């Protein structure tokens, strides 16, 4: 549901405790960037973890590095290209599958599902956190992801939390947690929060087509533009084509 004048914007879910050191899965996009800025505002030391899994929009890794530099955070990029080659059938990893255009819907965006992507990235992030003594692993799943991406739903987050405790029993730092603080927020809510935190939105990347400029027509570009419009925040993104569909 889109936030309106009578529907207060959702806020991040509160953490059980303030994190000392957070590992954040960072794609260079709006959600993970705002998440990193929010955790930084809570006083957390940050390690940003990105992954090259052969995605069509590999340009996002450049933007993730910019975010890390802006926050003074350590930024690690893990090479999962050999894994990505196994995950055929997704528009993000298979050049023979076209990136869908138009409004972001569960039907049109089904081809952008990369099998088990969030779980794969979380596994690496959790391993890194255990090895470095971090007490939080966080990723930017939000309410708009739920209909399309099974590994961005609350049930998945709960299952990962349980699995971590079993898989790393005796090796976790006190108070260790896996969190998706934006899980009940819309994209517009995230943009509003980012504006409050002075996030440099122009230094983030969303487009799945992976050219040098946001295309403006793929589902993620349309969703991005719509979020800024609904949030009432100026969109600094340069689009190759104005994202008109779904913004009436």
C-alpha atoms as a PDB file:
ATOM      1  CA  UNK A   1       0.000   0.000   0.000  1.00  0.00           C
ATOM      2  CA  UNK A   2       1.305   3.427  -0.883  1.00  0.00           C
ATOM      3  CA  UNK A   3       1.680   5.886   1.983  1.00  0.00           C
ATOM      4  CA  UNK A   4      -0.798   8.789   1.789  1.00  0.00           C
ATOM      5  CA  UNK A   5      -1.674  11.797   3.912  1.00  0.00           C
ATOM      6  CA  UNK A   6      -3.822   9.528   6.087  1.00  0.00           C
ATOM      7  CA  UNK A   7      -1.342   6.646   6.148  1.00  0.00           C
ATOM      8  CA  UNK A   8       1.801   7.529   8.104  1.00  0.00           C
ATOM      9  CA  UNK A   9       5.040   6.467   6.458  1.00  0.00           C
ATOM     10  CA  UNK A  10       6.422   3.233   7.845  1.00  0.00           C
ATOM     11  CA  UNK A  11       9.671   3.366   9.791  1.00  0.00           C
ATOM     12  CA  UNK A  12      12.479   0.795  10.064  1.00  0.00           C
ATOM     13  CA  UNK A  13      11.809  -2.063  12.427  1.00  0.00           C
ATOM     14  CA  UNK A  14      13.655  -1.419  15.682  1.00  0.00           C
ATOM     15  CA  UNK A  15      16.730  -3.524  16.328  1.00  0.00           C
ATOM     16  CA  UNK A  16      16.971  -5.549  19.523  1.00  0.00           C
ATOM     17  CA  UNK A  17      20.157  -3.661  20.364  1.00  0.00           C
ATOM     18  CA  UNK A  18      22.322  -1.007  18.766  1.00  0.00           C
ATOM     19  CA  UNK A  19      24.865  -2.754  16.547  1.00  0.00           C
ATOM     20  CA  UNK A  20      28.565  -2.319  17.100  1.00  0.00           C
ATOM     21  CA  UNK A  21      29.673  -3.663  13.700  1.00  0.00           C
ATOM     22  CA  UNK A  22      27.220  -4.312  10.879  1.00  0.00           C
ATOM     23  CA  UNK A  23      27.839  -6.221   7.652  1.00  0.00           C
ATOM     24  CA  UNK A  24      25.452  -4.792   5.056  1.00  0.00           C
ATOM     25  CA  UNK A  25      24.676  -6.462   1.736  1.00  0.00           C
ATOM     26  CA  UNK A  26      25.246  -3.504  -0.570  1.00  0.00           C
ATOM     27  CA  UNK A  27      24.087  -3.469  -4.168  1.00  0.00           C
ATOM     28  CA  UNK A  28      24.617   0.235  -4.755  1.00  0.00           C
ATOM     29  CA  UNK A  29      20.852   0.679  -5.007  1.00  0.00           C
ATOM     30  CA  UNK A  30      18.410   2.821  -3.064  1.00  0.00           C
ATOM     31  CA  UNK A  31      17.425   0.270  -0.429  1.00  0.00           C
ATOM     32  CA  UNK A  32      20.846  -0.964   0.635  1.00  0.00           C
ATOM     33  CA  UNK A  33      22.342   2.528   0.490  1.00  0.00           C
ATOM     34  CA  UNK A  34      19.675   4.031   2.732  1.00  0.00           C
ATOM     35  CA  UNK A  35      20.077   1.027   5.038  1.00  0.00           C
ATOM     36  CA  UNK A  36      23.830   1.649   5.307  1.00  0.00           C
ATOM     37  CA  UNK A  37      23.281   5.353   6.046  1.00  0.00           C
ATOM     38  CA  UNK A  38      20.656   4.489   8.667  1.00  0.00           C
ATOM     39  CA  UNK A  39      22.938   2.024  10.440  1.00  0.00           C
ATOM     40  CA  UNK A  40      25.754   4.564  10.301  1.00  0.00           C
ATOM     41  CA  UNK A  41      23.428   7.081  11.971  1.00  0.00           C
ATOM     42  CA  UNK A  42      22.993   4.570  14.807  1.00  0.00           C
ATOM     43  CA  UNK A  43      26.743   4.578  15.358  1.00  0.00           C
ATOM     44  CA  UNK A  44      27.592   1.223  13.774  1.00  0.00           C
ATOM     45  CA  UNK A  45      30.915   0.415  12.199  1.00  0.00           C
ATOM     46  CA  UNK A  46      30.109  -0.729   8.664  1.00  0.00           C
ATOM     47  CA  UNK A  47      31.407  -3.358   6.305  1.00  0.00           C
ATOM     48  CA  UNK A  48      29.647  -3.312   2.943  1.00  0.00           C
ATOM     49  CA  UNK A  49      29.519  -6.588   1.020  1.00  0.00           C
ATOM     50  CA  UNK A  50      28.754  -6.638  -2.706  1.00  0.00           C
ATOM     51  CA  UNK A  51      28.733  -9.567  -5.106  1.00  0.00           C
ATOM     52  CA  UNK A  52      29.674  -9.943  -8.731  1.00  0.00           C
ATOM     53  CA  UNK A  53      27.495 -12.842  -9.815  1.00  0.00           C
ATOM     54  CA  UNK A  54      27.672 -12.032 -13.521  1.00  0.00           C
ATOM     55  CA  UNK A  55      24.698  -9.695 -13.323  1.00  0.00           C
ATOM     56  CA  UNK A  56      23.801  -7.706 -16.417  1.00  0.00           C
ATOM     57  CA  UNK A  57      23.847  -4.514 -14.348  1.00  0.00           C
ATOM     58  CA  UNK A  58      27.356  -4.994 -12.959  1.00  0.00           C
ATOM     59  CA  UNK A  59      27.692  -1.204 -13.027  1.00  0.00           C
ATOM     60  CA  UNK A  60      25.942  -1.301  -9.629  1.00  0.00           C
ATOM     61  CA  UNK A  61      29.232  -2.446  -8.067  1.00  0.00           C
ATOM     62  CA  UNK A  62      30.783   0.904  -8.947  1.00  0.00           C
ATOM     63  CA  UNK A  63      28.003   2.681  -7.077  1.00  0.00           C
ATOM     64  CA  UNK A  64      28.339   0.374  -4.081  1.00  0.00           C
ATOM     65  CA  UNK A  65      32.001   1.338  -3.913  1.00  0.00           C
ATOM     66  CA  UNK A  66      31.018   5.021  -3.985  1.00  0.00           C
ATOM     67  CA  UNK A  67      28.682   4.451  -1.038  1.00  0.00           C
ATOM     68  CA  UNK A  68      31.416   2.715   0.911  1.00  0.00           C
ATOM     69  CA  UNK A  69      33.842   5.558   0.288  1.00  0.00           C
ATOM     70  CA  UNK A  70      31.266   8.196   1.258  1.00  0.00           C
ATOM     71  CA  UNK A  71      30.573   6.423   4.557  1.00  0.00           C
ATOM     72  CA  UNK A  72      34.192   5.609   5.328  1.00  0.00           C
ATOM     73  CA  UNK A  73      33.222   1.936   5.372  1.00  0.00           C
ATOM     74  CA  UNK A  74      35.196  -1.088   4.347  1.00  0.00           C
ATOM     75  CA  UNK A  75      33.808  -2.407   1.055  1.00  0.00           C
ATOM     76  CA  UNK A  76      34.295  -6.011  -0.021  1.00  0.00           C
ATOM     77  CA  UNK A  77      33.234  -7.490  -3.358  1.00  0.00           C
ATOM     78  CA  UNK A  78      32.953 -11.265  -3.560  1.00  0.00           C
ATOM     79  CA  UNK A  79      33.377 -13.011  -6.914  1.00  0.00           C
ATOM     80  CA  UNK A  80      30.390 -15.309  -7.498  1.00  0.00           C
ATOM     81  CA  UNK A  81      30.590 -15.251 -11.298  1.00  0.00           C
ATOM     82  CA  UNK A  82      31.056 -19.012 -11.488  1.00  0.00           C
ATOM     83  CA  UNK A  83      27.870 -19.435  -9.428  1.00  0.00           C
ATOM     84  CA  UNK A  84      26.004 -16.918 -11.569  1.00  0.00           C
ATOM     85  CA  UNK A  85      26.724 -18.978 -14.686  1.00  0.00           C
ATOM     86  CA  UNK A  86      24.722 -21.808 -13.143  1.00  0.00           C
ATOM     87  CA  UNK A  87      21.696 -19.595 -12.490  1.00  0.00           C
ATOM     88  CA  UNK A  88      20.332 -19.399 -16.022  1.00  0.00           C
ATOM     89  CA  UNK A  89      16.818 -18.301 -16.878  1.00  0.00           C
ATOM     90  CA  UNK A  90      16.946 -14.949 -15.099  1.00  0.00           C
ATOM     91  CA  UNK A  91      17.029 -11.664 -16.991  1.00  0.00           C
ATOM     92  CA  UNK A  92      19.765 -10.534 -14.618  1.00  0.00           C
ATOM     93  CA  UNK A  93      22.196 -13.341 -15.423  1.00  0.00           C
ATOM     94  CA  UNK A  94      21.094 -14.732 -18.790  1.00  0.00           C
ATOM     95  CA  UNK A  95      21.705 -12.531 -21.868  1.00  0.00           C
ATOM     96  CA  UNK A  96      19.040 -14.472 -23.758  1.00  0.00           C
ATOM     97  CA  UNK A  97      16.297 -13.350 -21.348  1.00  0.00           C
ATOM     98  CA  UNK A  98      15.004  -9.824 -21.900  1.00  0.00           C
ATOM     99  CA  UNK A  99      14.673  -7.389 -18.991  1.00  0.00           C
ATOM    100  CA  UNK A 100      10.953  -6.594 -18.686  1.00  0.00           C
ATOM    101  CA  UNK A 101       9.728  -3.053 -19.244  1.00  0.00           C
ATOM    102  CA  UNK A 102       6.877  -1.195 -17.610  1.00  0.00           C
ATOM    103  CA  UNK A 103       5.407  -1.090 -14.144  1.00  0.00           C
ATOM    104  CA  UNK A 104       6.893  -3.320 -11.444  1.00  0.00           C
ATOM    105  CA  UNK A 105       4.471  -6.232 -11.010  1.00  0.00           C
ATOM    106  CA  UNK A 106       4.809  -9.807  -9.828  1.00  0.00           C
ATOM    107  CA  UNK A 107       3.982 -11.040 -13.333  1.00  0.00           C
ATOM    108  CA  UNK A 108       6.270  -8.819 -15.381  1.00  0.00           C
ATOM    109  CA  UNK A 109       9.222  -9.023 -12.994  1.00  0.00           C
ATOM    110  CA  UNK A 110       9.170 -12.795 -12.469  1.00  0.00           C
ATOM    111  CA  UNK A 111      11.996 -13.183 -14.976  1.00  0.00           C
ATOM    112  CA  UNK A 112      14.257 -11.021 -12.770  1.00  0.00           C
ATOM    113  CA  UNK A 113      14.299 -13.611  -9.989  1.00  0.00           C
ATOM    114  CA  UNK A 114      17.805 -15.027  -9.504  1.00  0.00           C
ATOM    115  CA  UNK A 115      17.368 -18.390  -7.759  1.00  0.00           C
ATOM    116  CA  UNK A 116      18.304 -18.235  -4.083  1.00  0.00           C
ATOM    117  CA  UNK A 117      20.101 -14.879  -4.525  1.00  0.00           C
ATOM    118  CA  UNK A 118      19.388 -13.358  -1.112  1.00  0.00           C
ATOM    119  CA  UNK A 119      20.243 -16.620   0.625  1.00  0.00           C
ATOM    120  CA  UNK A 120      23.550 -16.906  -1.248  1.00  0.00           C
ATOM    121  CA  UNK A 121      24.537 -13.338  -0.404  1.00  0.00           C
ATOM    122  CA  UNK A 122      23.435 -13.701   3.204  1.00  0.00           C
ATOM    123  CA  UNK A 123      25.461 -16.888   3.586  1.00  0.00           C
ATOM    124  CA  UNK A 124      28.613 -15.040   2.511  1.00  0.00           C
ATOM    125  CA  UNK A 125      27.759 -12.012   4.671  1.00  0.00           C
ATOM    126  CA  UNK A 126      27.109 -14.187   7.720  1.00  0.00           C
ATOM    127  CA  UNK A 127      30.390 -16.021   7.205  1.00  0.00           C
ATOM    128  CA  UNK A 128      32.195 -12.686   6.974  1.00  0.00           C
ATOM    129  CA  UNK A 129      30.431 -11.435  10.110  1.00  0.00           C
ATOM    130  CA  UNK A 130      31.343 -14.530  12.104  1.00  0.00           C
ATOM    131  CA  UNK A 131      34.965 -14.342  10.940  1.00  0.00           C
ATOM    132  CA  UNK A 132      35.304 -10.646  11.830  1.00  0.00           C
ATOM    133  CA  UNK A 133      33.233 -10.627  15.018  1.00  0.00           C
ATOM    134  CA  UNK A 134      30.480  -8.404  13.625  1.00  0.00           C
ATOM    135  CA  UNK A 135      27.204  -8.495  15.555  1.00  0.00           C
ATOM    136  CA  UNK A 136      24.722  -7.692  12.771  1.00  0.00           C
ATOM    137  CA  UNK A 137      24.081  -8.738   9.184  1.00  0.00           C
ATOM    138  CA  UNK A 138      21.509  -6.576   7.423  1.00  0.00           C
ATOM    139  CA  UNK A 139      19.923  -6.426   3.985  1.00  0.00           C
ATOM    140  CA  UNK A 140      17.436  -4.071   2.385  1.00  0.00           C
ATOM    141  CA  UNK A 141      14.418  -6.243   1.562  1.00  0.00           C
ATOM    142  CA  UNK A 142      11.235  -4.155   1.632  1.00  0.00           C
ATOM    143  CA  UNK A 143       7.485  -4.634   1.315  1.00  0.00           C
ATOM    144  CA  UNK A 144       7.470  -4.135  -2.445  1.00  0.00           C
ATOM    145  CA  UNK A 145       9.740  -7.165  -2.869  1.00  0.00           C
ATOM    146  CA  UNK A 146       7.407  -9.640  -1.178  1.00  0.00           C
ATOM    147  CA  UNK A 147       5.109 -10.585  -4.093  1.00  0.00           C
ATOM    148  CA  UNK A 148       8.019 -11.281  -6.460  1.00  0.00           C
ATOM    149  CA  UNK A 149      11.040 -12.425  -4.480  1.00  0.00           C
ATOM    150  CA  UNK A 150      10.450 -15.307  -2.023  1.00  0.00           C
ATOM    151  CA  UNK A 151      13.830 -14.679  -0.371  1.00  0.00           C
ATOM    152  CA  UNK A 152      12.804 -11.150   0.611  1.00  0.00           C
ATOM    153  CA  UNK A 153       9.756 -12.139   2.692  1.00  0.00           C
ATOM    154  CA  UNK A 154       9.472 -12.086   6.493  1.00  0.00           C
ATOM    155  CA  UNK A 155       9.192 -15.882   6.606  1.00  0.00           C
ATOM    156  CA  UNK A 156      12.557 -16.189   4.867  1.00  0.00           C
ATOM    157  CA  UNK A 157      14.226 -13.737   7.250  1.00  0.00           C
ATOM    158  CA  UNK A 158      12.886 -15.671  10.242  1.00  0.00           C
ATOM    159  CA  UNK A 159      14.160 -18.954   8.758  1.00  0.00           C
ATOM    160  CA  UNK A 160      17.632 -17.510   8.124  1.00  0.00           C
ATOM    161  CA  UNK A 161      17.806 -16.247  11.704  1.00  0.00           C
ATOM    162  CA  UNK A 162      17.063 -19.718  13.020  1.00  0.00           C
ATOM    163  CA  UNK A 163      19.528 -21.393  10.657  1.00  0.00           C
ATOM    164  CA  UNK A 164      22.345 -19.025  11.638  1.00  0.00           C
ATOM    165  CA  UNK A 165      22.009 -19.881  15.308  1.00  0.00           C
ATOM    166  CA  UNK A 166      22.270 -23.587  14.534  1.00  0.00           C
ATOM    167  CA  UNK A 167      25.018 -23.352  11.901  1.00  0.00           C
ATOM    168  CA  UNK A 168      27.261 -21.111  14.012  1.00  0.00           C
ATOM    169  CA  UNK A 169      26.500 -22.279  17.535  1.00  0.00           C
ATOM    170  CA  UNK A 170      29.346 -21.244  19.833  1.00  0.00           C
ATOM    171  CA  UNK A 171      30.974 -18.941  17.283  1.00  0.00           C
ATOM    172  CA  UNK A 172      28.621 -15.947  17.235  1.00  0.00           C
ATOM    173  CA  UNK A 173      29.348 -12.670  18.938  1.00  0.00           C
ATOM    174  CA  UNK A 174      26.981 -11.849  21.829  1.00  0.00           C
ATOM    175  CA  UNK A 175      23.697 -10.438  20.547  1.00  0.00           C
ATOM    176  CA  UNK A 176      24.371 -11.464  16.947  1.00  0.00           C
ATOM    177  CA  UNK A 177      21.400 -10.777  14.672  1.00  0.00           C
ATOM    178  CA  UNK A 178      20.261 -10.952  11.061  1.00  0.00           C
ATOM    179  CA  UNK A 179      17.921  -8.098  10.222  1.00  0.00           C
ATOM    180  CA  UNK A 180      15.833  -6.696   7.389  1.00  0.00           C
ATOM    181  CA  UNK A 181      14.769  -3.420   9.044  1.00  0.00           C
ATOM    182  CA  UNK A 182      12.873  -2.186   5.959  1.00  0.00           C
ATOM    183  CA  UNK A 183      10.779  -5.359   5.577  1.00  0.00           C
ATOM    184  CA  UNK A 184       7.476  -3.513   6.240  1.00  0.00           C
ATOM    185  CA  UNK A 185       8.398  -0.309   4.376  1.00  0.00           C
ATOM    186  CA  UNK A 186       7.520   0.735   0.849  1.00  0.00           C
ATOM    187  CA  UNK A 187      10.095   2.094  -1.568  1.00  0.00           C
ATOM    188  CA  UNK A 188       8.632   5.559  -1.020  1.00  0.00           C
ATOM    189  CA  UNK A 189       9.101   5.154   2.747  1.00  0.00           C
ATOM    190  CA  UNK A 190      12.750   4.306   2.110  1.00  0.00           C
ATOM    191  CA  UNK A 191      13.211   7.371  -0.093  1.00  0.00           C
ATOM    192  CA  UNK A 192      11.701   9.570   2.636  1.00  0.00           C
ATOM    193  CA  UNK A 193      14.075   8.092   5.204  1.00  0.00           C
ATOM    194  CA  UNK A 194      16.994   8.566   2.829  1.00  0.00           C
ATOM    195  CA  UNK A 195      16.083  12.223   2.387  1.00  0.00           C
ATOM    196  CA  UNK A 196      16.069  12.651   6.179  1.00  0.00           C
ATOM    197  CA  UNK A 197      19.545  11.098   6.303  1.00  0.00           C
ATOM    198  CA  UNK A 198      20.852  13.239   3.390  1.00  0.00           C
ATOM    199  CA  UNK A 199      21.606  10.174   1.277  1.00  0.00           C
ATOM    200  CA  UNK A 200      23.198  11.182  -2.071  1.00  0.00           C
ATOM    201  CA  UNK A 201      20.561   9.516  -4.248  1.00  0.00           C
ATOM    202  CA  UNK A 202      22.380  10.447  -7.450  1.00  0.00           C
ATOM    203  CA  UNK A 203      25.189   8.108  -6.368  1.00  0.00           C
ATOM    204  CA  UNK A 204      22.908   5.042  -6.351  1.00  0.00           C
ATOM    205  CA  UNK A 205      21.975   2.634  -9.130  1.00  0.00           C
ATOM    206  CA  UNK A 206      18.733   0.748  -9.839  1.00  0.00           C
ATOM    207  CA  UNK A 207      18.463  -0.031 -13.562  1.00  0.00           C
ATOM    208  CA  UNK A 208      18.584  -3.721 -14.470  1.00  0.00           C
ATOM    209  CA  UNK A 209      19.671  -3.039 -18.071  1.00  0.00           C
ATOM    210  CA  UNK A 210      23.123  -1.981 -16.922  1.00  0.00           C
ATOM    211  CA  UNK A 211      23.946   0.748 -19.438  1.00  0.00           C
ATOM    212  CA  UNK A 212      25.808   3.889 -18.446  1.00  0.00           C
ATOM    213  CA  UNK A 213      22.525   5.691 -17.723  1.00  0.00           C
ATOM    214  CA  UNK A 214      19.262   4.544 -16.137  1.00  0.00           C
ATOM    215  CA  UNK A 215      17.048   3.419 -19.018  1.00  0.00           C
ATOM    216  CA  UNK A 216      13.833   4.755 -17.487  1.00  0.00           C
ATOM    217  CA  UNK A 217      11.697   1.958 -18.939  1.00  0.00           C
ATOM    218  CA  UNK A 218      12.577  -1.247 -17.066  1.00  0.00           C
ATOM    219  CA  UNK A 219      10.566  -2.211 -14.009  1.00  0.00           C
ATOM    220  CA  UNK A 220      13.206  -1.082 -11.529  1.00  0.00           C
ATOM    221  CA  UNK A 221      13.548   2.344 -13.152  1.00  0.00           C
ATOM    222  CA  UNK A 222       9.777   2.825 -13.111  1.00  0.00           C
ATOM    223  CA  UNK A 223       9.643   1.704  -9.469  1.00  0.00           C
ATOM    224  CA  UNK A 224      12.486   4.076  -8.573  1.00  0.00           C
ATOM    225  CA  UNK A 225      10.852   7.085 -10.231  1.00  0.00           C
ATOM    226  CA  UNK A 226       7.475   6.245  -8.684  1.00  0.00           C
ATOM    227  CA  UNK A 227       9.022   6.031  -5.206  1.00  0.00           C
ATOM    228  CA  UNK A 228      10.469   9.539  -5.483  1.00  0.00           C
ATOM    229  CA  UNK A 229       7.165  10.890  -6.785  1.00  0.00           C
ATOM    230  CA  UNK A 230       5.081   9.284  -4.021  1.00  0.00           C
ATOM    231  CA  UNK A 231       7.594  10.354  -1.368  1.00  0.00           C
ATOM    232  CA  UNK A 232       7.522  13.951  -2.597  1.00  0.00           C
ATOM    233  CA  UNK A 233      11.326  13.958  -2.914  1.00  0.00           C
ATOM    234  CA  UNK A 234      13.151  15.353  -5.932  1.00  0.00           C
ATOM    235  CA  UNK A 235      14.520  12.576  -8.138  1.00  0.00           C
ATOM    236  CA  UNK A 236      18.089  13.388  -9.243  1.00  0.00           C
ATOM    237  CA  UNK A 237      18.303  10.355 -11.546  1.00  0.00           C
ATOM    238  CA  UNK A 238      19.185  10.916 -15.184  1.00  0.00           C
ATOM    239  CA  UNK A 239      16.913   8.642 -17.225  1.00  0.00           C
ATOM    240  CA  UNK A 240      17.508   7.910 -20.912  1.00  0.00           C
ATOM    241  CA  UNK A 241      13.727   7.876 -21.349  1.00  0.00           C
ATOM    242  CA  UNK A 242      11.192   9.446 -19.002  1.00  0.00           C
ATOM    243  CA  UNK A 243       9.600   6.668 -16.890  1.00  0.00           C
ATOM    244  CA  UNK A 244       5.972   7.554 -17.549  1.00  0.00           C
ATOM    245  CA  UNK A 245       4.160   4.239 -17.103  1.00  0.00           C
ATOM    246  CA  UNK A 246       2.625   3.772 -13.672  1.00  0.00           C
ATOM    247  CA  UNK A 247       3.234   7.383 -12.657  1.00  0.00           C
ATOM    248  CA  UNK A 248      -0.101   8.904 -13.611  1.00  0.00           C
END
